[in-house]
N, C-alpha and C. Protein backbone atom coordinates (compact mmCIF):
# COMPACT_ATOMS: atom_id res chain seq x y z
N MET A 1 -47.91 -27.17 14.85
CA MET A 1 -49.10 -27.24 13.99
C MET A 1 -48.65 -27.16 12.53
N GLU A 2 -48.47 -28.29 11.90
CA GLU A 2 -48.00 -28.32 10.51
C GLU A 2 -49.16 -28.51 9.55
N ARG A 3 -49.11 -27.78 8.46
CA ARG A 3 -50.13 -27.99 7.43
C ARG A 3 -49.65 -29.07 6.49
N PRO A 4 -50.55 -29.91 6.00
CA PRO A 4 -50.15 -30.96 5.05
C PRO A 4 -49.63 -30.35 3.76
N ASP A 5 -48.74 -31.08 3.10
CA ASP A 5 -48.09 -30.56 1.90
C ASP A 5 -49.04 -30.53 0.71
N PHE A 6 -50.07 -31.39 0.73
CA PHE A 6 -50.92 -31.48 -0.45
C PHE A 6 -52.04 -30.44 -0.42
N TRP A 7 -52.16 -29.66 0.68
CA TRP A 7 -53.27 -28.71 0.77
C TRP A 7 -53.16 -27.60 -0.28
N PRO A 8 -51.98 -26.95 -0.48
CA PRO A 8 -51.87 -25.92 -1.52
C PRO A 8 -52.21 -26.46 -2.91
N ASP A 9 -51.82 -27.72 -3.18
CA ASP A 9 -52.14 -28.30 -4.49
C ASP A 9 -53.64 -28.45 -4.66
N ILE A 10 -54.32 -28.91 -3.60
CA ILE A 10 -55.78 -29.08 -3.69
C ILE A 10 -56.44 -27.71 -3.86
N ARG A 11 -55.96 -26.71 -3.11
CA ARG A 11 -56.57 -25.39 -3.22
C ARG A 11 -56.34 -24.82 -4.62
N ARG A 12 -55.14 -25.00 -5.16
CA ARG A 12 -54.86 -24.49 -6.51
C ARG A 12 -55.72 -25.22 -7.53
N PHE A 13 -55.91 -26.54 -7.34
CA PHE A 13 -56.73 -27.32 -8.27
C PHE A 13 -58.18 -26.83 -8.22
N LEU A 14 -58.69 -26.62 -7.00
CA LEU A 14 -60.08 -26.16 -6.87
C LEU A 14 -60.24 -24.78 -7.49
N LEU A 15 -59.27 -23.88 -7.24
CA LEU A 15 -59.37 -22.53 -7.80
C LEU A 15 -59.33 -22.59 -9.33
N GLY A 16 -58.44 -23.39 -9.88
CA GLY A 16 -58.35 -23.51 -11.33
C GLY A 16 -59.62 -24.13 -11.91
N PHE A 17 -60.16 -25.14 -11.21
CA PHE A 17 -61.35 -25.82 -11.71
C PHE A 17 -62.54 -24.86 -11.74
N THR A 18 -62.75 -24.14 -10.62
CA THR A 18 -63.89 -23.22 -10.57
C THR A 18 -63.68 -22.06 -11.55
N GLY A 19 -62.43 -21.58 -11.65
CA GLY A 19 -62.15 -20.48 -12.58
C GLY A 19 -62.43 -20.89 -14.02
N SER A 20 -61.99 -22.09 -14.40
CA SER A 20 -62.22 -22.55 -15.77
C SER A 20 -63.71 -22.77 -16.00
N GLY A 21 -64.41 -23.26 -14.98
CA GLY A 21 -65.85 -23.48 -15.10
C GLY A 21 -66.58 -22.17 -15.34
N ILE A 22 -66.22 -21.14 -14.56
CA ILE A 22 -66.87 -19.84 -14.73
C ILE A 22 -66.54 -19.27 -16.11
N ALA A 23 -65.27 -19.41 -16.53
CA ALA A 23 -64.87 -18.88 -17.83
C ALA A 23 -65.64 -19.58 -18.95
N ILE A 24 -65.77 -20.91 -18.84
CA ILE A 24 -66.49 -21.67 -19.88
C ILE A 24 -67.97 -21.27 -19.88
N GLY A 25 -68.54 -21.08 -18.69
CA GLY A 25 -69.95 -20.67 -18.60
C GLY A 25 -70.17 -19.32 -19.26
N ILE A 26 -69.30 -18.37 -18.95
CA ILE A 26 -69.44 -17.03 -19.53
C ILE A 26 -69.23 -17.09 -21.05
N TYR A 27 -68.25 -17.88 -21.48
CA TYR A 27 -67.97 -17.99 -22.92
C TYR A 27 -69.17 -18.58 -23.65
N THR A 28 -69.78 -19.62 -23.07
CA THR A 28 -70.94 -20.23 -23.72
C THR A 28 -72.11 -19.26 -23.72
N LEU A 29 -72.30 -18.51 -22.63
CA LEU A 29 -73.40 -17.55 -22.58
C LEU A 29 -73.22 -16.48 -23.66
N ILE A 30 -71.97 -16.06 -23.88
CA ILE A 30 -71.71 -14.99 -24.85
C ILE A 30 -71.82 -15.54 -26.28
N SER A 31 -71.27 -16.74 -26.51
CA SER A 31 -71.21 -17.25 -27.88
C SER A 31 -72.55 -17.85 -28.31
N VAL A 32 -73.30 -18.41 -27.37
CA VAL A 32 -74.56 -19.07 -27.73
C VAL A 32 -75.72 -18.15 -27.33
N ARG A 33 -75.61 -16.88 -27.71
CA ARG A 33 -76.66 -15.92 -27.40
C ARG A 33 -77.88 -16.21 -28.26
N PRO A 34 -79.06 -16.28 -27.69
CA PRO A 34 -80.28 -16.51 -28.49
C PRO A 34 -80.61 -15.27 -29.32
N VAL A 35 -80.70 -15.45 -30.64
CA VAL A 35 -81.00 -14.32 -31.52
C VAL A 35 -82.47 -14.38 -31.91
N PRO A 36 -83.24 -13.38 -31.55
CA PRO A 36 -84.69 -13.39 -31.87
C PRO A 36 -84.96 -13.15 -33.36
């Protein structure tokens, strides 16, 4: 039962993509705070 070689790359890409997305979302929420 061999795992394909490209699976770790895909998993790392997905983790990096979601991590950067969350970081960008948090950064925008903090920097673009609505000031009353």
